[in-house]
Amino acid sequence: MLAGLCLAGCGGETSTPSQSSTGILCANETRADTFRVGLEKSASAWTARLQDSQVEGLFGPPDRGFNTWALEIVDVSGAPMSPEEVKLKPWMPDHGHGTTPLVHYGVEEGGQYTLGPFDLHMGGFWEFTVTVTTGGAEEQVKFGFCVEG
């Protein structure tokens, strides 16, 4: 019974895309970025640009279910880069957990890095840490989105 209560408290229900239009969970969330194609986050030597976001094959902002992102990594002049590694860590800071697996490694396809699928199994605020390794050095940027439950 205790295990069931723990699962209920962390969204133990099955993962399906949210169809909620009420915005109750995210109405007052101030940490979240506004989703749009081309949203950028910059480190000192590069910029990560969100080129595509799909939930279970449908284009849209991050939502409950299996998400896949396409990121473009460009240098400070805007030229595409070929870093040694691109990885993504989805994390719920308010709950102290992430996805399983915790880290998703980018696969380069036509100048973009596909990351996922990663299961956003519950609604709430999610941070997405993008880590890029170039010249043996790692730098990170964070995207933040609120997912309705």
C-alpha atoms as a PDB file:
ATOM      1  CA  MET A   1       0.000   0.000   0.000  1.00  0.00           C
ATOM      2  CA  LEU A   2       2.849   2.394   0.838  1.00  0.00           C
ATOM      3  CA  ALA A   3       4.400   1.793  -2.598  1.00  0.00           C
ATOM      4  CA  GLY A   4       1.084   2.654  -4.232  1.00  0.00           C
ATOM      5  CA  LEU A   5       0.877   5.918  -2.315  1.00  0.00           C
ATOM      6  CA  CYS A   6       4.430   6.814  -3.336  1.00  0.00           C
ATOM      7  CA  LEU A   7       3.647   6.154  -6.986  1.00  0.00           C
ATOM      8  CA  ALA A   8       0.476   8.212  -6.787  1.00  0.00           C
ATOM      9  CA  GLY A   9       2.414  11.115  -5.280  1.00  0.00           C
ATOM     10  CA  CYS A  10       4.897  11.097  -8.171  1.00  0.00           C
ATOM     11  CA  GLY A  11       2.476  10.474 -10.992  1.00  0.00           C
ATOM     12  CA  GLY A  12       2.577   6.688 -11.146  1.00  0.00           C
ATOM     13  CA  GLU A  13      -0.116   6.555 -13.815  1.00  0.00           C
ATOM     14  CA  THR A  14       0.741   5.516 -17.357  1.00  0.00           C
ATOM     15  CA  SER A  15       2.348   7.973 -19.748  1.00  0.00           C
ATOM     16  CA  THR A  16       0.049   9.453 -22.351  1.00  0.00           C
ATOM     17  CA  PRO A  17       0.165  12.910 -23.918  1.00  0.00           C
ATOM     18  CA  SER A  18      -1.786  15.463 -21.926  1.00  0.00           C
ATOM     19  CA  GLN A  19      -4.880  16.951 -23.488  1.00  0.00           C
ATOM     20  CA  SER A  20      -5.487  19.346 -20.601  1.00  0.00           C
ATOM     21  CA  SER A  21      -6.563  22.816 -21.692  1.00  0.00           C
ATOM     22  CA  THR A  22      -7.142  24.204 -18.224  1.00  0.00           C
ATOM     23  CA  GLY A  23      -3.481  25.017 -17.522  1.00  0.00           C
ATOM     24  CA  ILE A  24      -3.941  24.454 -13.783  1.00  0.00           C
ATOM     25  CA  LEU A  25      -0.442  23.080 -13.100  1.00  0.00           C
ATOM     26  CA  CYS A  26       1.367  25.672 -15.199  1.00  0.00           C
ATOM     27  CA  ALA A  27      -0.806  28.763 -14.751  1.00  0.00           C
ATOM     28  CA  ASN A  28       1.498  30.320 -12.140  1.00  0.00           C
ATOM     29  CA  GLU A  29       4.833  28.787 -13.226  1.00  0.00           C
ATOM     30  CA  THR A  30       7.347  31.616 -13.656  1.00  0.00           C
ATOM     31  CA  ARG A  31      10.479  29.548 -14.356  1.00  0.00           C
ATOM     32  CA  ALA A  32       9.288  28.099 -17.672  1.00  0.00           C
ATOM     33  CA  ASP A  33      10.480  29.200 -21.091  1.00  0.00           C
ATOM     34  CA  THR A  34       7.872  29.960 -23.726  1.00  0.00           C
ATOM     35  CA  PHE A  35       8.047  27.151 -26.254  1.00  0.00           C
ATOM     36  CA  ARG A  36       8.877  28.065 -29.848  1.00  0.00           C
ATOM     37  CA  VAL A  37      10.940  26.592 -32.647  1.00  0.00           C
ATOM     38  CA  GLY A  38      14.303  28.346 -32.677  1.00  0.00           C
ATOM     39  CA  LEU A  39      14.397  28.940 -28.911  1.00  0.00           C
ATOM     40  CA  GLU A  40      18.066  29.394 -28.022  1.00  0.00           C
ATOM     41  CA  LYS A  41      20.211  28.996 -24.924  1.00  0.00           C
ATOM     42  CA  SER A  42      23.848  30.102 -25.064  1.00  0.00           C
ATOM     43  CA  ALA A  43      27.002  28.968 -23.301  1.00  0.00           C
ATOM     44  CA  SER A  44      30.294  30.824 -23.738  1.00  0.00           C
ATOM     45  CA  ALA A  45      31.427  28.916 -26.858  1.00  0.00           C
ATOM     46  CA  TRP A  46      28.178  27.681 -28.407  1.00  0.00           C
ATOM     47  CA  THR A  47      24.398  28.018 -28.636  1.00  0.00           C
ATOM     48  CA  ALA A  48      21.796  25.246 -28.524  1.00  0.00           C
ATOM     49  CA  ARG A  49      18.821  25.983 -30.769  1.00  0.00           C
ATOM     50  CA  LEU A  50      15.623  23.928 -30.386  1.00  0.00           C
ATOM     51  CA  GLN A  51      14.648  22.949 -33.942  1.00  0.00           C
ATOM     52  CA  ASP A  52      11.947  20.345 -33.319  1.00  0.00           C
ATOM     53  CA  SER A  53       9.972  18.932 -30.417  1.00  0.00           C
ATOM     54  CA  GLN A  54       7.672  15.960 -30.775  1.00  0.00           C
ATOM     55  CA  VAL A  55       5.512  14.085 -28.307  1.00  0.00           C
ATOM     56  CA  GLU A  56       4.816  10.561 -29.469  1.00  0.00           C
ATOM     57  CA  GLY A  57       5.361  11.656 -33.077  1.00  0.00           C
ATOM     58  CA  LEU A  58       3.289  14.858 -32.986  1.00  0.00           C
ATOM     59  CA  PHE A  59       4.919  18.300 -33.144  1.00  0.00           C
ATOM     60  CA  GLY A  60       4.453  20.486 -30.087  1.00  0.00           C
ATOM     61  CA  PRO A  61       5.880  21.657 -26.777  1.00  0.00           C
ATOM     62  CA  PRO A  62       7.127  19.120 -24.249  1.00  0.00           C
ATOM     63  CA  ASP A  63       4.205  17.200 -22.768  1.00  0.00           C
ATOM     64  CA  ARG A  64       3.388  13.982 -20.943  1.00  0.00           C
ATOM     65  CA  GLY A  65       4.557  10.941 -22.855  1.00  0.00           C
ATOM     66  CA  PHE A  66       7.575  10.149 -24.999  1.00  0.00           C
ATOM     67  CA  ASN A  67       9.310  13.306 -26.259  1.00  0.00           C
ATOM     68  CA  THR A  68      12.020  13.680 -28.891  1.00  0.00           C
ATOM     69  CA  TRP A  69      13.957  16.875 -29.555  1.00  0.00           C
ATOM     70  CA  ALA A  70      16.152  18.050 -32.400  1.00  0.00           C
ATOM     71  CA  LEU A  71      18.807  20.592 -31.430  1.00  0.00           C
ATOM     72  CA  GLU A  72      21.199  22.523 -33.589  1.00  0.00           C
ATOM     73  CA  ILE A  73      24.532  23.406 -31.969  1.00  0.00           C
ATOM     74  CA  VAL A  74      26.228  26.498 -33.413  1.00  0.00           C
ATOM     75  CA  ASP A  75      29.374  28.415 -32.498  1.00  0.00           C
ATOM     76  CA  VAL A  76      29.449  32.086 -31.482  1.00  0.00           C
ATOM     77  CA  SER A  77      29.413  33.170 -35.145  1.00  0.00           C
ATOM     78  CA  GLY A  78      26.339  31.031 -35.846  1.00  0.00           C
ATOM     79  CA  ALA A  79      28.171  28.327 -37.810  1.00  0.00           C
ATOM     80  CA  PRO A  80      27.104  24.698 -37.209  1.00  0.00           C
ATOM     81  CA  MET A  81      29.411  22.753 -34.902  1.00  0.00           C
ATOM     82  CA  SER A  82      30.304  19.092 -34.601  1.00  0.00           C
ATOM     83  CA  PRO A  83      30.884  18.653 -30.865  1.00  0.00           C
ATOM     84  CA  GLU A  84      32.329  15.486 -29.421  1.00  0.00           C
ATOM     85  CA  GLU A  85      29.152  14.853 -27.438  1.00  0.00           C
ATOM     86  CA  VAL A  86      25.686  16.321 -26.933  1.00  0.00           C
ATOM     87  CA  LYS A  87      23.523  15.032 -24.109  1.00  0.00           C
ATOM     88  CA  LEU A  88      20.250  15.937 -22.431  1.00  0.00           C
ATOM     89  CA  LYS A  89      19.158  15.440 -18.822  1.00  0.00           C
ATOM     90  CA  PRO A  90      15.424  15.985 -18.140  1.00  0.00           C
ATOM     91  CA  TRP A  91      14.937  16.744 -14.427  1.00  0.00           C
ATOM     92  CA  MET A  92      12.087  17.763 -12.129  1.00  0.00           C
ATOM     93  CA  PRO A  93      13.795  19.992  -9.545  1.00  0.00           C
ATOM     94  CA  ASP A  94      10.672  20.211  -7.376  1.00  0.00           C
ATOM     95  CA  HIS A  95      10.482  16.419  -7.094  1.00  0.00           C
ATOM     96  CA  GLY A  96      14.189  15.542  -7.177  1.00  0.00           C
ATOM     97  CA  HIS A  97      14.003  13.044 -10.060  1.00  0.00           C
ATOM     98  CA  GLY A  98      14.427  12.751 -13.778  1.00  0.00           C
ATOM     99  CA  THR A  99      13.597  10.305 -16.516  1.00  0.00           C
ATOM    100  CA  THR A 100      14.723   6.723 -17.020  1.00  0.00           C
ATOM    101  CA  PRO A 101      17.338   6.684 -18.366  1.00  0.00           C
ATOM    102  CA  LEU A 102      18.479   9.912 -16.777  1.00  0.00           C
ATOM    103  CA  VAL A 103      20.756  11.023 -19.631  1.00  0.00           C
ATOM    104  CA  HIS A 104      19.954  10.913 -23.350  1.00  0.00           C
ATOM    105  CA  TYR A 105      22.786  11.134 -25.877  1.00  0.00           C
ATOM    106  CA  GLY A 106      22.393  13.084 -29.100  1.00  0.00           C
ATOM    107  CA  VAL A 107      22.640  11.375 -32.459  1.00  0.00           C
ATOM    108  CA  GLU A 108      23.836  13.677 -35.240  1.00  0.00           C
ATOM    109  CA  GLU A 109      21.576  13.752 -38.293  1.00  0.00           C
ATOM    110  CA  GLY A 110      22.071  16.381 -40.995  1.00  0.00           C
ATOM    111  CA  GLY A 111      23.623  18.981 -38.697  1.00  0.00           C
ATOM    112  CA  GLN A 112      21.070  18.467 -35.912  1.00  0.00           C
ATOM    113  CA  TYR A 113      21.212  16.308 -32.813  1.00  0.00           C
ATOM    114  CA  THR A 114      18.231  14.088 -32.062  1.00  0.00           C
ATOM    115  CA  LEU A 115      17.714  13.446 -28.339  1.00  0.00           C
ATOM    116  CA  GLY A 116      15.226  10.955 -26.977  1.00  0.00           C
ATOM    117  CA  PRO A 117      12.740   9.576 -26.766  1.00  0.00           C
ATOM    118  CA  PHE A 118      12.506  10.567 -23.117  1.00  0.00           C
ATOM    119  CA  ASP A 119       9.390   9.898 -21.053  1.00  0.00           C
ATOM    120  CA  LEU A 120       7.963  12.911 -19.224  1.00  0.00           C
ATOM    121  CA  HIS A 121       5.856  10.711 -16.985  1.00  0.00           C
ATOM    122  CA  MET A 122       4.211  13.432 -14.921  1.00  0.00           C
ATOM    123  CA  GLY A 123       3.090  17.022 -15.086  1.00  0.00           C
ATOM    124  CA  GLY A 124       4.949  19.927 -13.495  1.00  0.00           C
ATOM    125  CA  PHE A 125       8.084  21.977 -14.115  1.00  0.00           C
ATOM    126  CA  TRP A 126      10.904  20.181 -15.945  1.00  0.00           C
ATOM    127  CA  GLU A 127      14.473  21.425 -16.503  1.00  0.00           C
ATOM    128  CA  PHE A 128      16.320  20.134 -19.551  1.00  0.00           C
ATOM    129  CA  THR A 129      20.089  20.421 -19.154  1.00  0.00           C
ATOM    130  CA  VAL A 130      21.949  20.286 -22.453  1.00  0.00           C
ATOM    131  CA  THR A 131      25.634  19.414 -22.044  1.00  0.00           C
ATOM    132  CA  VAL A 132      27.972  19.866 -24.989  1.00  0.00           C
ATOM    133  CA  THR A 133      31.557  18.598 -25.017  1.00  0.00           C
ATOM    134  CA  THR A 134      34.024  20.402 -27.282  1.00  0.00           C
ATOM    135  CA  GLY A 135      37.800  20.103 -27.076  1.00  0.00           C
ATOM    136  CA  GLY A 136      37.380  17.885 -24.012  1.00  0.00           C
ATOM    137  CA  ALA A 137      35.548  20.650 -22.089  1.00  0.00           C
ATOM    138  CA  GLU A 138      31.885  20.500 -21.071  1.00  0.00           C
ATOM    139  CA  GLU A 139      29.481  23.418 -20.904  1.00  0.00           C
ATOM    140  CA  GLN A 140      25.789  23.374 -20.042  1.00  0.00           C
ATOM    141  CA  VAL A 141      22.633  25.354 -20.715  1.00  0.00           C
ATOM    142  CA  LYS A 142      19.134  24.764 -19.361  1.00  0.00           C
ATOM    143  CA  PHE A 143      15.742  24.938 -20.979  1.00  0.00           C
ATOM    144  CA  GLY A 144      12.697  24.881 -18.695  1.00  0.00           C
ATOM    145  CA  PHE A 145       9.141  23.903 -19.580  1.00  0.00           C
ATOM    146  CA  CYS A 146       6.025  23.253 -17.570  1.00  0.00           C
ATOM    147  CA  VAL A 147       4.072  20.149 -18.513  1.00  0.00           C
ATOM    148  CA  GLU A 148       0.370  19.896 -17.729  1.00  0.00           C
ATOM    149  CA  GLY A 149      -0.673  16.707 -15.986  1.00  0.00           C
END
